[in-house]
């Protein structure tokens, strides 16, 4: 596929991009996975990328559940 980024995900809230990027690096660090400094993840394994994405999804679902329950504390 080459080194070009062809991300087809469209953010509903464009301002959330920075927070999602930060979350990606935080989750990777928690899992002991190093994301290359240039941001290119093409040389990472599917398992590594899937683990990061899975944990991000789990964390976002938790945040949404807390918000829906009126318990969101803004973390």
PDB file of N, CA and C in Angstrom:
ATOM      1  N   UNK A   1       0.802  -1.204   0.000  1.00  0.00           N
ATOM      2  CA  UNK A   1       0.000   0.000   0.000  1.00  0.00           C
ATOM      3  C   UNK A   1       0.840   1.261   0.000  1.00  0.00           C
ATOM      4  N   UNK A   2       2.104   1.155   0.286  1.00  0.00           N
ATOM      5  CA  UNK A   2       2.941   2.342   0.319  1.00  0.00           C
ATOM      6  C   UNK A   2       2.897   3.008   1.679  1.00  0.00           C
ATOM      7  N   UNK A   3       3.610   4.105   1.787  1.00  0.00           N
ATOM      8  CA  UNK A   3       3.713   4.764   3.072  1.00  0.00           C
ATOM      9  C   UNK A   3       2.694   5.877   3.245  1.00  0.00           C
ATOM     10  N   UNK A   4       1.874   6.149   2.262  1.00  0.00           N
ATOM     11  CA  UNK A   4       0.867   7.193   2.383  1.00  0.00           C
ATOM     12  C   UNK A   4      -0.251   6.772   3.313  1.00  0.00           C
ATOM     13  N   UNK A   5      -0.754   7.710   4.077  1.00  0.00           N
ATOM     14  CA  UNK A   5      -1.840   7.408   5.003  1.00  0.00           C
ATOM     15  C   UNK A   5      -3.163   7.512   4.259  1.00  0.00           C
ATOM     16  N   UNK A   6      -3.921   6.435   4.251  1.00  0.00           N
ATOM     17  CA  UNK A   6      -5.214   6.438   3.578  1.00  0.00           C
ATOM     18  C   UNK A   6      -6.301   6.130   4.582  1.00  0.00           C
ATOM     19  N   UNK A   7      -6.383   6.923   5.624  1.00  0.00           N
ATOM     20  CA  UNK A   7      -7.360   6.718   6.679  1.00  0.00           C
ATOM     21  C   UNK A   7      -8.725   7.186   6.190  1.00  0.00           C
ATOM     22  N   UNK A   8      -9.683   6.292   6.168  1.00  0.00           N
ATOM     23  CA  UNK A   8     -11.015   6.645   5.693  1.00  0.00           C
ATOM     24  C   UNK A   8     -11.963   6.980   6.837  1.00  0.00           C
ATOM     25  N   UNK A   9     -11.447   7.013   8.071  1.00  0.00           N
ATOM     26  CA  UNK A   9     -12.291   7.359   9.208  1.00  0.00           C
ATOM     27  C   UNK A   9     -12.544   8.859   9.226  1.00  0.00           C
ATOM     28  N   UNK A  10     -13.792   9.225   9.373  1.00  0.00           N
ATOM     29  CA  UNK A  10     -14.151  10.632   9.467  1.00  0.00           C
ATOM     30  C   UNK A  10     -14.609  10.912  10.888  1.00  0.00           C
ATOM     31  N   UNK A  11     -13.975  11.897  11.526  1.00  0.00           N
ATOM     32  CA  UNK A  11     -14.345  12.251  12.883  1.00  0.00           C
ATOM     33  C   UNK A  11     -15.629  13.065  12.871  1.00  0.00           C
ATOM     34  N   UNK A  12     -16.534  12.740  13.774  1.00  0.00           N
ATOM     35  CA  UNK A  12     -17.764  13.511  13.917  1.00  0.00           C
ATOM     36  C   UNK A  12     -17.433  14.866  14.528  1.00  0.00           C
ATOM     37  N   UNK A  13     -16.519  14.866  15.483  1.00  0.00           N
ATOM     38  CA  UNK A  13     -16.060  16.094  16.126  1.00  0.00           C
ATOM     39  C   UNK A  13     -14.593  16.270  15.752  1.00  0.00           C
ATOM     40  N   UNK A  14     -14.320  17.126  14.779  1.00  0.00           N
ATOM     41  CA  UNK A  14     -12.966  17.289  14.251  1.00  0.00           C
ATOM     42  C   UNK A  14     -11.973  17.711  15.329  1.00  0.00           C
ATOM     43  N   UNK A  15     -12.410  18.467  16.318  1.00  0.00           N
ATOM     44  CA  UNK A  15     -11.516  18.924  17.387  1.00  0.00           C
ATOM     45  C   UNK A  15     -11.039  17.775  18.259  1.00  0.00           C
ATOM     46  N   UNK A  16     -11.657  16.616  18.150  1.00  0.00           N
ATOM     47  CA  UNK A  16     -11.281  15.459  18.965  1.00  0.00           C
ATOM     48  C   UNK A  16     -10.013  14.788  18.456  1.00  0.00           C
ATOM     49  N   UNK A  17      -9.525  15.163  17.298  1.00  0.00           N
ATOM     50  CA  UNK A  17      -8.369  14.498  16.698  1.00  0.00           C
ATOM     51  C   UNK A  17      -7.153  14.503  17.617  1.00  0.00           C
ATOM     52  N   UNK A  18      -6.840  15.629  18.212  1.00  0.00           N
ATOM     53  CA  UNK A  18      -5.682  15.712  19.109  1.00  0.00           C
ATOM     54  C   UNK A  18      -5.815  14.797  20.310  1.00  0.00           C
ATOM     55  N   UNK A  19      -7.009  14.776  20.900  1.00  0.00           N
ATOM     56  CA  UNK A  19      -7.246  13.930  22.067  1.00  0.00           C
ATOM     57  C   UNK A  19      -7.145  12.455  21.695  1.00  0.00           C
ATOM     58  N   UNK A  20      -7.634  12.090  20.524  1.00  0.00           N
ATOM     59  CA  UNK A  20      -7.555  10.693  20.086  1.00  0.00           C
ATOM     60  C   UNK A  20      -6.111  10.286  19.799  1.00  0.00           C
ATOM     61  N   UNK A  21      -5.334  11.183  19.210  1.00  0.00           N
ATOM     62  CA  UNK A  21      -3.919  10.902  18.974  1.00  0.00           C
ATOM     63  C   UNK A  21      -3.190  10.707  20.297  1.00  0.00           C
ATOM     64  N   UNK A  22      -3.467  11.570  21.258  1.00  0.00           N
ATOM     65  CA  UNK A  22      -2.840  11.462  22.575  1.00  0.00           C
ATOM     66  C   UNK A  22      -3.225  10.141  23.232  1.00  0.00           C
ATOM     67  N   UNK A  23      -4.496   9.763  23.112  1.00  0.00           N
ATOM     68  CA  UNK A  23      -4.968   8.510  23.692  1.00  0.00           C
ATOM     69  C   UNK A  23      -4.255   7.323  23.047  1.00  0.00           C
ATOM     70  N   UNK A  24      -4.025   7.403  21.745  1.00  0.00           N
ATOM     71  CA  UNK A  24      -3.336   6.321  21.041  1.00  0.00           C
ATOM     72  C   UNK A  24      -1.943   6.102  21.628  1.00  0.00           C
ATOM     73  N   UNK A  25      -1.211   7.183  21.850  1.00  0.00           N
ATOM     74  CA  UNK A  25       0.136   7.058  22.401  1.00  0.00           C
ATOM     75  C   UNK A  25       0.109   6.601  23.855  1.00  0.00           C
ATOM     76  N   UNK A  26      -0.868   7.064  24.630  1.00  0.00           N
ATOM     77  CA  UNK A  26      -1.001   6.636  26.025  1.00  0.00           C
ATOM     78  C   UNK A  26      -1.287   5.142  26.114  1.00  0.00           C
ATOM     79  N   UNK A  27      -2.227   4.680  25.300  1.00  0.00           N
ATOM     80  CA  UNK A  27      -2.597   3.261  25.306  1.00  0.00           C
ATOM     81  C   UNK A  27      -1.406   2.415  24.862  1.00  0.00           C
ATOM     82  N   UNK A  28      -0.719   2.845  23.811  1.00  0.00           N
ATOM     83  CA  UNK A  28       0.448   2.095  23.337  1.00  0.00           C
ATOM     84  C   UNK A  28       1.493   1.985  24.435  1.00  0.00           C
ATOM     85  N   UNK A  29       1.727   3.074  25.153  1.00  0.00           N
ATOM     86  CA  UNK A  29       2.705   3.056  26.241  1.00  0.00           C
ATOM     87  C   UNK A  29       2.268   2.099  27.343  1.00  0.00           C
ATOM     88  N   UNK A  30       0.974   2.123  27.692  1.00  0.00           N
ATOM     89  CA  UNK A  30       0.460   1.215  28.717  1.00  0.00           C
ATOM     90  C   UNK A  30       0.631  -0.239  28.318  1.00  0.00           C
ATOM     91  N   UNK A  31       0.519  -0.520  27.023  1.00  0.00           N
ATOM     92  CA  UNK A  31       0.648  -1.884  26.530  1.00  0.00           C
ATOM     93  C   UNK A  31       2.093  -2.267  26.237  1.00  0.00           C
ATOM     94  N   UNK A  32       3.019  -1.309  26.377  1.00  0.00           N
ATOM     95  CA  UNK A  32       4.420  -1.589  26.108  1.00  0.00           C
ATOM     96  C   UNK A  32       4.743  -1.667  24.629  1.00  0.00           C
ATOM     97  N   UNK A  33       3.965  -0.960  23.814  1.00  0.00           N
ATOM     98  CA  UNK A  33       4.158  -0.958  22.367  1.00  0.00           C
ATOM     99  C   UNK A  33       4.731   0.398  21.965  1.00  0.00           C
ATOM    100  N   UNK A  34       5.774   0.379  21.162  1.00  0.00           N
ATOM    101  CA  UNK A  34       6.399   1.621  20.700  1.00  0.00           C
ATOM    102  C   UNK A  34       5.853   1.992  19.330  1.00  0.00           C
ATOM    103  N   UNK A  35       5.308   3.201  19.232  1.00  0.00           N
ATOM    104  CA  UNK A  35       4.877   3.727  17.939  1.00  0.00           C
ATOM    105  C   UNK A  35       6.046   4.541  17.393  1.00  0.00           C
ATOM    106  N   UNK A  36       6.464   4.289  16.152  1.00  0.00           N
ATOM    107  CA  UNK A  36       7.607   5.010  15.587  1.00  0.00           C
ATOM    108  C   UNK A  36       7.417   6.530  15.654  1.00  0.00           C
ATOM    109  N   UNK A  37       8.523   7.250  15.821  1.00  0.00           N
ATOM    110  CA  UNK A  37       8.488   8.708  15.941  1.00  0.00           C
ATOM    111  C   UNK A  37       7.864   9.367  14.720  1.00  0.00           C
ATOM    112  N   UNK A  38       8.047   8.779  13.539  1.00  0.00           N
ATOM    113  CA  UNK A  38       7.492   9.392  12.332  1.00  0.00           C
ATOM    114  C   UNK A  38       5.991   9.132  12.183  1.00  0.00           C
ATOM    115  N   UNK A  39       5.418   8.338  13.090  1.00  0.00           N
ATOM    116  CA  UNK A  39       3.982   8.079  13.061  1.00  0.00           C
ATOM    117  C   UNK A  39       3.557   6.983  12.107  1.00  0.00           C
ATOM    118  N   UNK A  40       4.472   6.488  11.288  1.00  0.00           N
ATOM    119  CA  UNK A  40       4.136   5.438  10.333  1.00  0.00           C
ATOM    120  C   UNK A  40       4.024   4.108  11.056  1.00  0.00           C
ATOM    121  N   UNK A  41       2.840   3.514  11.033  1.00  0.00           N
ATOM    122  CA  UNK A  41       2.591   2.276  11.757  1.00  0.00           C
ATOM    123  C   UNK A  41       2.579   1.059  10.844  1.00  0.00           C
ATOM    124  N   UNK A  42       2.981   1.227   9.597  1.00  0.00           N
ATOM    125  CA  UNK A  42       2.941   0.131   8.632  1.00  0.00           C
ATOM    126  C   UNK A  42       3.858  -1.025   8.951  1.00  0.00           C
ATOM    127  N   UNK A  43       4.890  -0.773   9.751  1.00  0.00           N
ATOM    128  CA  UNK A  43       5.821  -1.844  10.111  1.00  0.00           C
ATOM    129  C   UNK A  43       5.450  -2.521  11.425  1.00  0.00           C
ATOM    130  N   UNK A  44       4.361  -2.072  12.038  1.00  0.00           N
ATOM    131  CA  UNK A  44       3.901  -2.700  13.278  1.00  0.00           C
ATOM    132  C   UNK A  44       3.041  -3.911  12.923  1.00  0.00           C
ATOM    133  N   UNK A  45       2.947  -4.847  13.848  1.00  0.00           N
ATOM    134  CA  UNK A  45       2.153  -6.049  13.570  1.00  0.00           C
ATOM    135  C   UNK A  45       0.662  -5.736  13.678  1.00  0.00           C
ATOM    136  N   UNK A  46      -0.136  -6.575  13.061  1.00  0.00           N
ATOM    137  CA  UNK A  46      -1.584  -6.443  13.155  1.00  0.00           C
ATOM    138  C   UNK A  46      -2.037  -6.584  14.604  1.00  0.00           C
ATOM    139  N   UNK A  47      -1.371  -7.448  15.334  1.00  0.00           N
ATOM    140  CA  UNK A  47      -1.703  -7.658  16.742  1.00  0.00           C
ATOM    141  C   UNK A  47      -1.484  -6.372  17.537  1.00  0.00           C
ATOM    142  N   UNK A  48      -0.351  -5.709  17.301  1.00  0.00           N
ATOM    143  CA  UNK A  48      -0.054  -4.467  18.020  1.00  0.00           C
ATOM    144  C   UNK A  48      -1.081  -3.386  17.692  1.00  0.00           C
ATOM    145  N   UNK A  49      -1.323  -3.177  16.405  1.00  0.00           N
ATOM    146  CA  UNK A  49      -2.293  -2.158  16.006  1.00  0.00           C
ATOM    147  C   UNK A  49      -3.694  -2.497  16.500  1.00  0.00           C
ATOM    148  N   UNK A  50      -4.058  -3.762  16.433  1.00  0.00           N
ATOM    149  CA  UNK A  50      -5.374  -4.190  16.902  1.00  0.00           C
ATOM    150  C   UNK A  50      -5.535  -4.016  18.398  1.00  0.00           C
ATOM    151  N   UNK A  51      -4.470  -4.292  19.136  1.00  0.00           N
ATOM    152  CA  UNK A  51      -4.506  -4.123  20.593  1.00  0.00           C
ATOM    153  C   UNK A  51      -4.717  -2.661  20.956  1.00  0.00           C
ATOM    154  N   UNK A  52      -3.993  -1.780  20.291  1.00  0.00           N
ATOM    155  CA  UNK A  52      -4.134  -0.352  20.555  1.00  0.00           C
ATOM    156  C   UNK A  52      -5.556   0.095  20.230  1.00  0.00           C
ATOM    157  N   UNK A  53      -6.044  -0.264  19.059  1.00  0.00           N
ATOM    158  CA  UNK A  53      -7.399   0.118  18.657  1.00  0.00           C
ATOM    159  C   UNK A  53      -8.465  -0.452  19.573  1.00  0.00           C
ATOM    160  N   UNK A  54      -8.274  -1.687  20.000  1.00  0.00           N
ATOM    161  CA  UNK A  54      -9.243  -2.317  20.894  1.00  0.00           C
ATOM    162  C   UNK A  54      -9.332  -1.628  22.237  1.00  0.00           C
ATOM    163  N   UNK A  55      -8.169  -1.284  22.793  1.00  0.00           N
ATOM    164  CA  UNK A  55      -8.166  -0.601  24.088  1.00  0.00           C
ATOM    165  C   UNK A  55      -8.712   0.814  23.981  1.00  0.00           C
ATOM    166  N   UNK A  56      -8.447   1.493  22.861  1.00  0.00           N
ATOM    167  CA  UNK A  56      -9.019   2.826  22.658  1.00  0.00           C
ATOM    168  C   UNK A  56     -10.536   2.721  22.616  1.00  0.00           C
ATOM    169  N   UNK A  57     -11.049   1.748  21.879  1.00  0.00           N
ATOM    170  CA  UNK A  57     -12.498   1.562  21.783  1.00  0.00           C
ATOM    171  C   UNK A  57     -13.097   1.269  23.150  1.00  0.00           C
ATOM    172  N   UNK A  58     -12.448   0.400  23.908  1.00  0.00           N
ATOM    173  CA  UNK A  58     -12.925   0.056  25.249  1.00  0.00           C
ATOM    174  C   UNK A  58     -12.980   1.299  26.136  1.00  0.00           C
ATOM    175  N   UNK A  59     -11.933   2.125  26.066  1.00  0.00           N
ATOM    176  CA  UNK A  59     -11.881   3.343  26.881  1.00  0.00           C
ATOM    177  C   UNK A  59     -12.953   4.350  26.447  1.00  0.00           C
ATOM    178  N   UNK A  60     -13.157   4.490  25.130  1.00  0.00           N
ATOM    179  CA  UNK A  60     -14.185   5.423  24.641  1.00  0.00           C
ATOM    180  C   UNK A  60     -15.587   4.966  25.027  1.00  0.00           C
ATOM    181  N   UNK A  61     -15.834   3.671  24.994  1.00  0.00           N
ATOM    182  CA  UNK A  61     -17.141   3.148  25.407  1.00  0.00           C
ATOM    183  C   UNK A  61     -17.363   3.419  26.886  1.00  0.00           C
ATOM    184  N   UNK A  62     -16.336   3.218  27.695  1.00  0.00           N
ATOM    185  CA  UNK A  62     -16.440   3.488  29.129  1.00  0.00           C
ATOM    186  C   UNK A  62     -16.763   4.958  29.376  1.00  0.00           C
ATOM    187  N   UNK A  63     -16.055   5.857  28.677  1.00  0.00           N
ATOM    188  CA  UNK A  63     -16.315   7.296  28.824  1.00  0.00           C
ATOM    189  C   UNK A  63     -17.748   7.645  28.421  1.00  0.00           C
ATOM    190  N   UNK A  64     -18.226   7.052  27.338  1.00  0.00           N
ATOM    191  CA  UNK A  64     -19.590   7.321  26.881  1.00  0.00           C
ATOM    192  C   UNK A  64     -20.617   6.801  27.883  1.00  0.00           C
ATOM    193  N   UNK A  65     -20.379   5.619  28.434  1.00  0.00           N
ATOM    194  CA  UNK A  65     -21.300   5.069  29.433  1.00  0.00           C
ATOM    195  C   UNK A  65     -21.360   5.963  30.662  1.00  0.00           C
ATOM    196  N   UNK A  66     -20.207   6.450  31.105  1.00  0.00           N
ATOM    197  CA  UNK A  66     -20.174   7.346  32.258  1.00  0.00           C
ATOM    198  C   UNK A  66     -20.914   8.647  31.959  1.00  0.00           C
ATOM    199  N   UNK A  67     -20.722   9.163  30.759  1.00  0.00           N
ATOM    200  CA  UNK A  67     -21.392  10.403  30.385  1.00  0.00           C
ATOM    201  C   UNK A  67     -22.905  10.205  30.332  1.00  0.00           C
ATOM    202  N   UNK A  68     -23.326   9.098  29.762  1.00  0.00           N
ATOM    203  CA  UNK A  68     -24.762   8.813  29.685  1.00  0.00           C
ATOM    204  C   UNK A  68     -25.368   8.613  31.070  1.00  0.00           C
ATOM    205  N   UNK A  69     -24.580   8.098  31.981  1.00  0.00           N
ATOM    206  CA  UNK A  69     -25.059   7.869  33.336  1.00  0.00           C
ATOM    207  C   UNK A  69     -24.959   9.138  34.196  1.00  0.00           C
ATOM    208  N   UNK A  70     -24.435  10.217  33.606  1.00  0.00           N
ATOM    209  CA  UNK A  70     -24.318  11.459  34.355  1.00  0.00           C
ATOM    210  C   UNK A  70     -23.150  11.482  35.311  1.00  0.00           C
ATOM    211  N   UNK A  71     -22.185  10.580  35.099  1.00  0.00           N
ATOM    212  CA  UNK A  71     -21.055  10.481  35.997  1.00  0.00           C
ATOM    213  C   UNK A  71     -19.764  10.983  35.365  1.00  0.00           C
ATOM    214  N   UNK A  72     -19.846  11.585  34.204  1.00  0.00           N
ATOM    215  CA  UNK A  72     -18.651  12.016  33.499  1.00  0.00           C
ATOM    216  C   UNK A  72     -17.979  13.143  34.274  1.00  0.00           C
ATOM    217  N   UNK A  73     -16.700  12.938  34.573  1.00  0.00           N
ATOM    218  CA  UNK A  73     -15.980  13.921  35.389  1.00  0.00           C
ATOM    219  C   UNK A  73     -15.015  14.766  34.561  1.00  0.00           C
ATOM    220  N   UNK A  74     -15.013  14.619  33.241  1.00  0.00           N
ATOM    221  CA  UNK A  74     -14.181  15.428  32.381  1.00  0.00           C
ATOM    222  C   UNK A  74     -12.738  14.989  32.285  1.00  0.00           C
ATOM    223  N   UNK A  75     -12.434  13.737  32.601  1.00  0.00           N
ATOM    224  CA  UNK A  75     -11.051  13.236  32.530  1.00  0.00           C
ATOM    225  C   UNK A  75     -10.669  12.925  31.124  1.00  0.00           C
TER     226      UNK A  75
END
